[in-house]
Amino acid sequence: MKFLLSSLLALILLSGCSEPQTGAIEPHWDRDTCERCRMVLSDRFHSAQIRFTDEKNKSRVRMFDDIGCAIIWLEDKPWRDSESTEIWVNDHRNGDWIDARRAFYVTGHNTSMEYGLGAQTEPSGETMNFSAAKQFIFAKEQRSNRHTGHQPKEALINSAVRGGVLSLTKGSNHER
């Protein structure tokens, strides 16, 4: 009986220490890295996180240094539109975590990956909703290709050739 009570108490204590299954969690600032670009999360007013359910039905959280990285990373995930997938972003005014799908976005912010969006809980002046913010992010990404690791292989090779970093000889797959 004593063993059963000890086991039950240990189980209760361990469950109290486990990560919640919903909502935002506090990052380990200046230690956690962005899932997409691998930069360290240090901006407490423009970071984002995505909570999703994996194939083993376990809740997972991925951190991002900019809402732009989060939206682009999420785009090809099969569960991106699932009701259980949560997207959280910092309110640019106070750092609180807010629901990214319900947030309003303003441009002109200095953000880690230069997508330039600040999120807030209510509209003011010229704000955009989540759908418009996604379009803004994809348009900016297409124009700038800031993440060279996400550029098509052909674009990287052509850029290296133009910059004199790579020399291709006749007969290769990528002739000058």
N, C-alpha and C. Protein backbone atom coordinates (compact mmCIF):
# COMPACT_ATOMS: atom_id res chain seq x y z
N MET A 1 0.83 -1.19 0.00
CA MET A 1 0.00 0.00 0.00
C MET A 1 0.87 1.25 0.00
N LYS A 2 1.93 1.22 0.81
CA LYS A 2 2.83 2.37 0.89
C LYS A 2 3.49 2.61 -0.47
N PHE A 3 3.87 1.53 -1.18
CA PHE A 3 4.48 1.65 -2.49
C PHE A 3 3.51 2.27 -3.49
N LEU A 4 2.25 1.84 -3.43
CA LEU A 4 1.23 2.37 -4.32
C LEU A 4 1.01 3.86 -4.11
N LEU A 5 0.95 4.29 -2.85
CA LEU A 5 0.79 5.71 -2.54
C LEU A 5 2.01 6.52 -3.00
N SER A 6 3.22 5.97 -2.78
CA SER A 6 4.44 6.65 -3.22
C SER A 6 4.46 6.79 -4.74
N SER A 7 4.06 5.75 -5.43
CA SER A 7 4.02 5.79 -6.89
C SER A 7 3.00 6.81 -7.40
N LEU A 8 1.84 6.84 -6.77
CA LEU A 8 0.80 7.80 -7.16
C LEU A 8 1.27 9.23 -6.92
N LEU A 9 1.91 9.48 -5.79
CA LEU A 9 2.43 10.81 -5.49
C LEU A 9 3.50 11.22 -6.50
N ALA A 10 4.39 10.30 -6.85
CA ALA A 10 5.43 10.60 -7.84
C ALA A 10 4.82 10.93 -9.19
N LEU A 11 3.79 10.19 -9.58
CA LEU A 11 3.11 10.43 -10.85
C LEU A 11 2.45 11.81 -10.86
N ILE A 12 1.84 12.19 -9.78
CA ILE A 12 1.21 13.51 -9.67
C ILE A 12 2.26 14.60 -9.76
N LEU A 13 3.36 14.44 -9.07
CA LEU A 13 4.43 15.44 -9.11
C LEU A 13 5.04 15.56 -10.50
N LEU A 14 5.28 14.44 -11.15
CA LEU A 14 5.84 14.47 -12.50
C LEU A 14 4.89 15.09 -13.50
N SER A 15 3.61 14.83 -13.38
CA SER A 15 2.65 15.41 -14.32
C SER A 15 2.56 16.92 -14.13
N GLY A 16 2.80 17.40 -12.94
CA GLY A 16 2.80 18.84 -12.69
C GLY A 16 3.99 19.53 -13.31
N CYS A 17 5.07 18.79 -13.59
CA CYS A 17 6.27 19.37 -14.17
C CYS A 17 6.27 19.28 -15.69
N SER A 18 5.34 18.55 -16.27
CA SER A 18 5.34 18.38 -17.71
C SER A 18 4.83 19.64 -18.42
N GLU A 19 5.19 19.73 -19.67
CA GLU A 19 4.79 20.87 -20.48
C GLU A 19 3.29 20.86 -20.73
N PRO A 20 2.65 22.02 -20.73
CA PRO A 20 1.22 22.06 -21.01
C PRO A 20 0.94 21.59 -22.44
N GLN A 21 -0.27 21.17 -22.70
CA GLN A 21 -0.64 20.65 -24.01
C GLN A 21 -1.23 21.72 -24.92
N THR A 22 -1.37 22.92 -24.44
CA THR A 22 -1.91 24.01 -25.23
C THR A 22 -1.30 25.32 -24.75
N GLY A 23 -1.34 26.33 -25.61
CA GLY A 23 -0.83 27.64 -25.23
C GLY A 23 0.65 27.82 -25.51
N ALA A 24 1.09 29.05 -25.37
CA ALA A 24 2.49 29.40 -25.59
C ALA A 24 3.32 29.01 -24.37
N ILE A 25 4.58 28.73 -24.61
CA ILE A 25 5.51 28.48 -23.51
C ILE A 25 6.61 29.54 -23.57
N GLU A 26 7.25 29.79 -22.46
CA GLU A 26 8.30 30.80 -22.43
C GLU A 26 9.60 30.20 -22.99
N PRO A 27 10.17 30.82 -24.00
CA PRO A 27 11.44 30.31 -24.55
C PRO A 27 12.58 30.49 -23.56
N HIS A 28 13.65 29.80 -23.79
CA HIS A 28 14.91 30.05 -23.08
C HIS A 28 15.61 31.11 -23.92
N TRP A 29 15.32 32.37 -23.60
CA TRP A 29 15.84 33.48 -24.39
C TRP A 29 17.36 33.42 -24.46
N ASP A 30 17.87 33.78 -25.61
CA ASP A 30 19.30 33.80 -25.88
C ASP A 30 19.94 32.41 -25.85
N ARG A 31 19.11 31.35 -25.85
CA ARG A 31 19.61 29.96 -25.94
C ARG A 31 18.83 29.17 -26.98
N ASP A 32 17.48 29.27 -26.98
CA ASP A 32 16.69 28.55 -27.98
C ASP A 32 16.95 29.15 -29.35
N THR A 33 16.88 28.30 -30.37
CA THR A 33 17.11 28.78 -31.74
C THR A 33 15.87 28.63 -32.59
N CYS A 34 15.81 29.45 -33.61
CA CYS A 34 14.71 29.43 -34.57
C CYS A 34 14.73 28.12 -35.34
N GLU A 35 13.60 27.49 -35.43
CA GLU A 35 13.48 26.21 -36.14
C GLU A 35 13.84 26.34 -37.62
N ARG A 36 13.62 27.50 -38.19
CA ARG A 36 13.85 27.67 -39.63
C ARG A 36 15.26 28.18 -39.93
N CYS A 37 15.67 29.27 -39.32
CA CYS A 37 16.94 29.90 -39.71
C CYS A 37 18.08 29.65 -38.72
N ARG A 38 17.76 29.07 -37.58
CA ARG A 38 18.73 28.69 -36.53
C ARG A 38 19.36 29.88 -35.80
N MET A 39 18.80 31.08 -35.96
CA MET A 39 19.26 32.21 -35.16
C MET A 39 18.75 32.05 -33.73
N VAL A 40 19.49 32.58 -32.78
CA VAL A 40 19.09 32.52 -31.38
C VAL A 40 17.93 33.48 -31.14
N LEU A 41 16.95 33.04 -30.37
CA LEU A 41 15.81 33.89 -30.03
C LEU A 41 16.24 34.89 -28.96
N SER A 42 16.21 36.17 -29.30
CA SER A 42 16.57 37.19 -28.33
C SER A 42 15.60 38.36 -28.33
N ASP A 43 14.80 38.51 -29.38
CA ASP A 43 13.85 39.62 -29.48
C ASP A 43 12.54 39.21 -28.82
N ARG A 44 12.29 39.74 -27.64
CA ARG A 44 11.11 39.36 -26.85
C ARG A 44 9.84 40.07 -27.30
N PHE A 45 9.89 40.81 -28.41
CA PHE A 45 8.73 41.54 -28.90
C PHE A 45 8.33 41.16 -30.33
N HIS A 46 9.09 40.25 -30.96
CA HIS A 46 8.78 39.87 -32.34
C HIS A 46 8.98 38.38 -32.61
N SER A 47 9.07 37.56 -31.60
CA SER A 47 9.25 36.12 -31.78
C SER A 47 7.91 35.42 -31.99
N ALA A 48 7.98 34.16 -32.39
CA ALA A 48 6.77 33.37 -32.62
C ALA A 48 7.03 31.93 -32.21
N GLN A 49 5.95 31.19 -32.05
CA GLN A 49 6.05 29.75 -31.80
C GLN A 49 4.83 29.06 -32.34
N ILE A 50 5.02 27.81 -32.70
CA ILE A 50 3.93 27.00 -33.24
C ILE A 50 3.82 25.74 -32.39
N ARG A 51 2.61 25.47 -31.94
CA ARG A 51 2.32 24.24 -31.21
C ARG A 51 1.48 23.36 -32.13
N PHE A 52 1.89 22.11 -32.27
CA PHE A 52 1.19 21.17 -33.14
C PHE A 52 1.19 19.79 -32.52
N THR A 53 0.38 18.92 -33.06
CA THR A 53 0.32 17.54 -32.61
C THR A 53 1.05 16.68 -33.62
N ASP A 54 2.06 15.93 -33.17
CA ASP A 54 2.85 15.11 -34.08
C ASP A 54 2.15 13.79 -34.40
N GLU A 55 2.82 12.97 -35.19
CA GLU A 55 2.24 11.69 -35.63
C GLU A 55 1.99 10.71 -34.49
N LYS A 56 2.63 10.93 -33.34
CA LYS A 56 2.41 10.09 -32.16
C LYS A 56 1.38 10.71 -31.22
N ASN A 57 0.67 11.72 -31.72
CA ASN A 57 -0.37 12.42 -30.97
C ASN A 57 0.19 13.15 -29.74
N LYS A 58 1.43 13.60 -29.87
CA LYS A 58 2.08 14.35 -28.78
C LYS A 58 2.19 15.82 -29.17
N SER A 59 1.92 16.69 -28.21
CA SER A 59 2.01 18.13 -28.44
C SER A 59 3.48 18.54 -28.53
N ARG A 60 3.81 19.29 -29.59
CA ARG A 60 5.17 19.77 -29.81
C ARG A 60 5.15 21.28 -30.01
N VAL A 61 6.22 21.95 -29.63
CA VAL A 61 6.35 23.39 -29.83
C VAL A 61 7.65 23.66 -30.57
N ARG A 62 7.58 24.51 -31.59
CA ARG A 62 8.76 24.96 -32.32
C ARG A 62 8.84 26.49 -32.19
N MET A 63 10.03 26.99 -31.96
CA MET A 63 10.27 28.42 -31.75
C MET A 63 10.81 29.07 -33.02
N PHE A 64 10.50 30.37 -33.16
CA PHE A 64 10.93 31.13 -34.32
C PHE A 64 11.32 32.54 -33.89
N ASP A 65 12.33 33.10 -34.53
CA ASP A 65 12.79 34.44 -34.16
C ASP A 65 12.00 35.55 -34.84
N ASP A 66 11.08 35.20 -35.74
CA ASP A 66 10.31 36.18 -36.50
C ASP A 66 9.04 35.47 -36.98
N ILE A 67 7.91 36.16 -37.00
CA ILE A 67 6.67 35.55 -37.48
C ILE A 67 6.83 35.09 -38.93
N GLY A 68 7.68 35.76 -39.70
CA GLY A 68 7.92 35.35 -41.09
C GLY A 68 8.50 33.94 -41.16
N CYS A 69 9.48 33.64 -40.33
CA CYS A 69 10.06 32.29 -40.31
C CYS A 69 9.00 31.25 -39.94
N ALA A 70 8.16 31.58 -38.97
CA ALA A 70 7.11 30.64 -38.53
C ALA A 70 6.14 30.34 -39.66
N ILE A 71 5.67 31.36 -40.35
CA ILE A 71 4.67 31.18 -41.41
C ILE A 71 5.25 30.40 -42.57
N ILE A 72 6.47 30.71 -42.98
CA ILE A 72 7.08 29.99 -44.10
C ILE A 72 7.36 28.54 -43.72
N TRP A 73 7.86 28.29 -42.51
CA TRP A 73 8.13 26.92 -42.05
C TRP A 73 6.84 26.10 -42.02
N LEU A 74 5.77 26.71 -41.58
CA LEU A 74 4.49 26.01 -41.42
C LEU A 74 3.83 25.65 -42.75
N GLU A 75 4.11 26.38 -43.80
CA GLU A 75 3.37 26.28 -45.05
C GLU A 75 3.28 24.86 -45.63
N ASP A 76 4.34 24.08 -45.55
CA ASP A 76 4.29 22.75 -46.18
C ASP A 76 3.95 21.62 -45.20
N LYS A 77 3.54 21.97 -44.00
CA LYS A 77 3.19 20.95 -43.00
C LYS A 77 1.74 20.50 -43.22
N PRO A 78 1.48 19.20 -43.21
CA PRO A 78 0.12 18.71 -43.48
C PRO A 78 -0.90 19.13 -42.42
N TRP A 79 -0.46 19.48 -41.25
CA TRP A 79 -1.35 19.86 -40.15
C TRP A 79 -1.45 21.36 -39.97
N ARG A 80 -0.99 22.14 -40.94
CA ARG A 80 -0.95 23.61 -40.79
C ARG A 80 -2.31 24.23 -40.54
N ASP A 81 -3.38 23.65 -41.12
CA ASP A 81 -4.72 24.22 -40.95
C ASP A 81 -5.56 23.49 -39.90
N SER A 82 -4.95 22.57 -39.19
CA SER A 82 -5.66 21.82 -38.16
C SER A 82 -6.08 22.75 -37.02
N GLU A 83 -7.24 22.48 -36.46
CA GLU A 83 -7.72 23.28 -35.32
C GLU A 83 -6.79 23.17 -34.12
N SER A 84 -6.06 22.06 -34.02
CA SER A 84 -5.17 21.88 -32.88
C SER A 84 -3.82 22.59 -33.06
N THR A 85 -3.52 23.05 -34.25
CA THR A 85 -2.28 23.78 -34.49
C THR A 85 -2.44 25.22 -34.01
N GLU A 86 -1.58 25.62 -33.09
CA GLU A 86 -1.63 26.96 -32.52
C GLU A 86 -0.42 27.76 -32.99
N ILE A 87 -0.63 29.02 -33.29
CA ILE A 87 0.46 29.92 -33.67
C ILE A 87 0.42 31.09 -32.68
N TRP A 88 1.54 31.32 -32.04
CA TRP A 88 1.65 32.38 -31.03
C TRP A 88 2.72 33.36 -31.47
N VAL A 89 2.50 34.62 -31.17
CA VAL A 89 3.44 35.68 -31.51
C VAL A 89 3.47 36.67 -30.36
N ASN A 90 4.61 37.33 -30.20
CA ASN A 90 4.70 38.36 -29.16
C ASN A 90 3.95 39.62 -29.59
N ASP A 91 3.26 40.23 -28.64
CA ASP A 91 2.69 41.56 -28.86
C ASP A 91 3.89 42.51 -28.86
N HIS A 92 4.04 43.28 -29.93
CA HIS A 92 5.22 44.13 -30.07
C HIS A 92 5.29 45.24 -29.02
N ARG A 93 4.21 45.49 -28.31
CA ARG A 93 4.21 46.57 -27.33
C ARG A 93 4.63 46.13 -25.94
N ASN A 94 4.34 44.88 -25.58
CA ASN A 94 4.64 44.45 -24.21
C ASN A 94 5.26 43.06 -24.10
N GLY A 95 5.40 42.35 -25.22
CA GLY A 95 6.03 41.03 -25.22
C GLY A 95 5.11 39.88 -24.84
N ASP A 96 3.84 40.16 -24.51
CA ASP A 96 2.91 39.08 -24.17
C ASP A 96 2.69 38.17 -25.37
N TRP A 97 2.45 36.89 -25.10
CA TRP A 97 2.14 35.95 -26.18
C TRP A 97 0.67 36.09 -26.53
N ILE A 98 0.38 36.25 -27.82
CA ILE A 98 -1.00 36.39 -28.30
C ILE A 98 -1.22 35.42 -29.46
N ASP A 99 -2.47 35.08 -29.69
CA ASP A 99 -2.85 34.18 -30.78
C ASP A 99 -2.57 34.88 -32.11
N ALA A 100 -1.66 34.33 -32.91
CA ALA A 100 -1.26 34.97 -34.16
C ALA A 100 -2.40 35.07 -35.16
N ARG A 101 -3.33 34.11 -35.12
CA ARG A 101 -4.44 34.14 -36.09
C ARG A 101 -5.46 35.23 -35.75
N ARG A 102 -5.48 35.68 -34.52
CA ARG A 102 -6.41 36.74 -34.10
C ARG A 102 -5.72 38.10 -33.98
N ALA A 103 -4.42 38.12 -34.15
CA ALA A 103 -3.65 39.36 -33.99
C ALA A 103 -3.83 40.27 -35.20
N PHE A 104 -3.47 41.52 -35.01
CA PHE A 104 -3.43 42.51 -36.08
C PHE A 104 -1.96 42.90 -36.24
N TYR A 105 -1.55 43.12 -37.48
CA TYR A 105 -0.14 43.33 -37.77
C TYR A 105 0.11 44.71 -38.35
N VAL A 106 1.22 45.29 -37.91
CA VAL A 106 1.66 46.59 -38.43
C VAL A 106 3.05 46.41 -39.03
N THR A 107 3.33 47.19 -40.04
CA THR A 107 4.63 47.11 -40.71
C THR A 107 5.59 48.13 -40.12
N GLY A 108 6.83 48.07 -40.59
CA GLY A 108 7.82 49.06 -40.20
C GLY A 108 8.64 48.72 -38.97
N HIS A 109 8.56 47.48 -38.51
CA HIS A 109 9.32 47.08 -37.33
C HIS A 109 10.69 46.52 -37.73
N ASN A 110 11.63 46.66 -36.85
CA ASN A 110 12.96 46.09 -37.04
C ASN A 110 12.94 44.69 -36.42
N THR A 111 12.79 43.66 -37.26
CA THR A 111 12.69 42.29 -36.76
C THR A 111 13.91 41.48 -37.20
N SER A 112 14.14 40.38 -36.53
CA SER A 112 15.33 39.56 -36.74
C SER A 112 15.58 39.21 -38.20
N MET A 113 14.57 38.77 -38.90
CA MET A 113 14.74 38.36 -40.29
C MET A 113 14.18 39.36 -41.29
N GLU A 114 13.90 40.56 -40.80
CA GLU A 114 13.51 41.70 -41.61
C GLU A 114 12.16 41.54 -42.34
N TYR A 115 11.28 40.71 -41.78
CA TYR A 115 9.93 40.69 -42.34
C TYR A 115 9.18 41.95 -41.91
N GLY A 116 9.58 42.54 -40.78
CA GLY A 116 9.13 43.85 -40.38
C GLY A 116 7.75 43.96 -39.77
N LEU A 117 7.16 42.85 -39.35
CA LEU A 117 5.81 42.89 -38.80
C LEU A 117 5.81 42.86 -37.27
N GLY A 118 5.00 43.73 -36.70
CA GLY A 118 4.74 43.72 -35.27
C GLY A 118 3.30 43.30 -35.06
N ALA A 119 3.03 42.48 -34.06
CA ALA A 119 1.67 41.99 -33.80
C ALA A 119 1.09 42.71 -32.60
N GLN A 120 -0.21 42.88 -32.61
CA GLN A 120 -0.92 43.48 -31.49
C GLN A 120 -2.33 42.92 -31.43
N THR A 121 -2.99 43.13 -30.30
CA THR A 121 -4.29 42.51 -30.06
C THR A 121 -5.47 43.23 -30.69
N GLU A 122 -5.30 44.49 -31.04
CA GLU A 122 -6.44 45.23 -31.62
C GLU A 122 -5.97 46.06 -32.82
N PRO A 123 -6.90 46.35 -33.73
CA PRO A 123 -6.52 47.16 -34.90
C PRO A 123 -6.28 48.61 -34.49
N SER A 124 -5.38 49.25 -35.20
CA SER A 124 -5.15 50.68 -35.01
C SER A 124 -4.43 51.19 -36.25
N GLY A 125 -4.84 52.34 -36.74
CA GLY A 125 -4.21 52.89 -37.93
C GLY A 125 -4.29 51.91 -39.08
N GLU A 126 -3.17 51.66 -39.71
CA GLU A 126 -3.13 50.73 -40.83
C GLU A 126 -2.62 49.37 -40.36
N THR A 127 -3.54 48.51 -39.99
CA THR A 127 -3.17 47.16 -39.57
C THR A 127 -3.70 46.16 -40.59
N MET A 128 -3.13 44.97 -40.57
CA MET A 128 -3.62 43.89 -41.42
C MET A 128 -3.94 42.68 -40.57
N ASN A 129 -4.87 41.87 -41.05
CA ASN A 129 -5.23 40.66 -40.33
C ASN A 129 -4.21 39.56 -40.64
N PHE A 130 -4.40 38.39 -40.07
CA PHE A 130 -3.45 37.28 -40.22
C PHE A 130 -3.30 36.87 -41.68
N SER A 131 -4.41 36.76 -42.40
CA SER A 131 -4.37 36.36 -43.80
C SER A 131 -3.54 37.34 -44.63
N ALA A 132 -3.76 38.62 -44.43
CA ALA A 132 -3.00 39.64 -45.16
C ALA A 132 -1.53 39.61 -44.73
N ALA A 133 -1.26 39.36 -43.46
CA ALA A 133 0.12 39.28 -42.98
C ALA A 133 0.84 38.11 -43.65
N LYS A 134 0.16 36.98 -43.80
CA LYS A 134 0.77 35.83 -44.49
C LYS A 134 1.12 36.20 -45.93
N GLN A 135 0.23 36.86 -46.63
CA GLN A 135 0.50 37.28 -48.02
C GLN A 135 1.69 38.24 -48.05
N PHE A 136 1.74 39.15 -47.10
CA PHE A 136 2.85 40.10 -46.99
C PHE A 136 4.17 39.34 -46.82
N ILE A 137 4.18 38.35 -45.94
CA ILE A 137 5.39 37.56 -45.66
C ILE A 137 5.84 36.79 -46.90
N PHE A 138 4.92 36.12 -47.57
CA PHE A 138 5.29 35.35 -48.75
C PHE A 138 5.79 36.25 -49.88
N ALA A 139 5.19 37.41 -50.04
CA ALA A 139 5.64 38.35 -51.07
C ALA A 139 7.05 38.85 -50.74
N LYS A 140 7.29 39.17 -49.49
CA LYS A 140 8.61 39.65 -49.07
C LYS A 140 9.66 38.56 -49.24
N GLU A 141 9.32 37.34 -48.89
CA GLU A 141 10.25 36.22 -49.04
C GLU A 141 10.58 35.99 -50.51
N GLN A 142 9.60 36.06 -51.35
CA GLN A 142 9.83 35.85 -52.78
C GLN A 142 10.74 36.94 -53.34
N ARG A 143 10.57 38.17 -52.89
CA ARG A 143 11.40 39.28 -53.38
C ARG A 143 12.83 39.19 -52.88
N SER A 144 13.02 38.78 -51.66
CA SER A 144 14.36 38.90 -51.07
C SER A 144 15.15 37.60 -51.00
N ASN A 145 14.48 36.45 -50.92
CA ASN A 145 15.19 35.17 -50.74
C ASN A 145 16.27 35.29 -49.69
N ARG A 146 15.89 35.81 -48.53
CA ARG A 146 16.83 36.06 -47.44
C ARG A 146 17.52 34.79 -46.95
N HIS A 147 16.85 33.68 -46.98
CA HIS A 147 17.43 32.43 -46.48
C HIS A 147 18.01 31.67 -47.66
N THR A 148 19.31 31.77 -47.87
CA THR A 148 19.90 31.11 -49.02
C THR A 148 19.73 29.60 -48.95
N GLY A 149 19.60 29.05 -47.77
CA GLY A 149 19.37 27.62 -47.64
C GLY A 149 18.01 27.19 -48.17
N HIS A 150 17.13 28.14 -48.42
CA HIS A 150 15.80 27.81 -48.92
C HIS A 150 15.64 28.19 -50.39
N GLN A 151 16.70 28.72 -51.00
CA GLN A 151 16.63 29.05 -52.40
C GLN A 151 16.75 27.76 -53.22
N PRO A 152 16.16 27.74 -54.40
CA PRO A 152 16.34 26.58 -55.26
C PRO A 152 17.83 26.37 -55.56
N LYS A 153 18.24 25.14 -55.71
CA LYS A 153 19.64 24.79 -55.94
C LYS A 153 20.19 25.55 -57.15
N GLU A 154 19.41 25.64 -58.19
CA GLU A 154 19.83 26.33 -59.41
C GLU A 154 20.17 27.80 -59.12
N ALA A 155 19.36 28.47 -58.30
CA ALA A 155 19.60 29.88 -57.97
C ALA A 155 20.89 30.03 -57.17
N LEU A 156 21.18 29.11 -56.27
CA LEU A 156 22.41 29.17 -55.50
C LEU A 156 23.63 28.99 -56.39
N ILE A 157 23.57 28.04 -57.31
CA ILE A 157 24.69 27.79 -58.22
C ILE A 157 24.92 29.00 -59.12
N ASN A 158 23.84 29.54 -59.70
CA ASN A 158 23.98 30.71 -60.57
C ASN A 158 24.56 31.89 -59.82
N SER A 159 24.15 32.08 -58.58
CA SER A 159 24.67 33.18 -57.77
C SER A 159 26.16 32.98 -57.50
N ALA A 160 26.58 31.77 -57.21
CA ALA A 160 27.99 31.49 -56.95
C ALA A 160 28.83 31.70 -58.21
N VAL A 161 28.31 31.32 -59.36
CA VAL A 161 29.03 31.52 -60.61
C VAL A 161 29.17 33.01 -60.90
N ARG A 162 28.09 33.77 -60.77
CA ARG A 162 28.13 35.22 -61.01
C ARG A 162 29.10 35.91 -60.06
N GLY A 163 29.18 35.44 -58.85
CA GLY A 163 30.06 36.05 -57.85
C GLY A 163 31.49 35.60 -57.95
N GLY A 164 31.80 34.69 -58.88
CA GLY A 164 33.16 34.23 -59.05
C GLY A 164 33.60 33.20 -58.03
N VAL A 165 32.65 32.72 -57.19
CA VAL A 165 32.98 31.74 -56.17
C VAL A 165 33.09 30.34 -56.78
N LEU A 166 32.36 30.10 -57.85
CA LEU A 166 32.28 28.78 -58.47
C LEU A 166 32.57 28.93 -59.95
N SER A 167 33.40 28.06 -60.47
CA SER A 167 33.69 28.06 -61.90
C SER A 167 33.22 26.73 -62.46
N LEU A 168 32.39 26.78 -63.48
CA LEU A 168 31.87 25.56 -64.09
C LEU A 168 32.54 25.35 -65.44
N THR A 169 32.89 24.11 -65.72
CA THR A 169 33.54 23.80 -66.99
C THR A 169 32.52 23.28 -67.99
N LYS A 170 32.87 23.39 -69.26
CA LYS A 170 31.99 22.91 -70.33
C LYS A 170 31.75 21.42 -70.13
N GLY A 171 30.51 21.03 -70.33
CA GLY A 171 30.15 19.62 -70.16
C GLY A 171 29.52 19.33 -68.82
N SER A 172 29.56 20.28 -67.92
CA SER A 172 28.90 20.07 -66.63
C SER A 172 27.41 20.35 -66.79
N ASN A 173 26.66 20.08 -65.78
CA ASN A 173 25.21 20.30 -65.82
C ASN A 173 24.85 21.78 -65.88
N HIS A 174 25.74 22.63 -65.44
CA HIS A 174 25.45 24.07 -65.37
C HIS A 174 26.54 24.84 -66.10
N GLU A 175 26.40 25.00 -67.38
CA GLU A 175 27.39 25.70 -68.18
C GLU A 175 27.19 27.20 -68.04
N ARG A 176 28.28 27.94 -68.24
CA ARG A 176 28.21 29.41 -68.20
C ARG A 176 27.45 29.92 -69.37
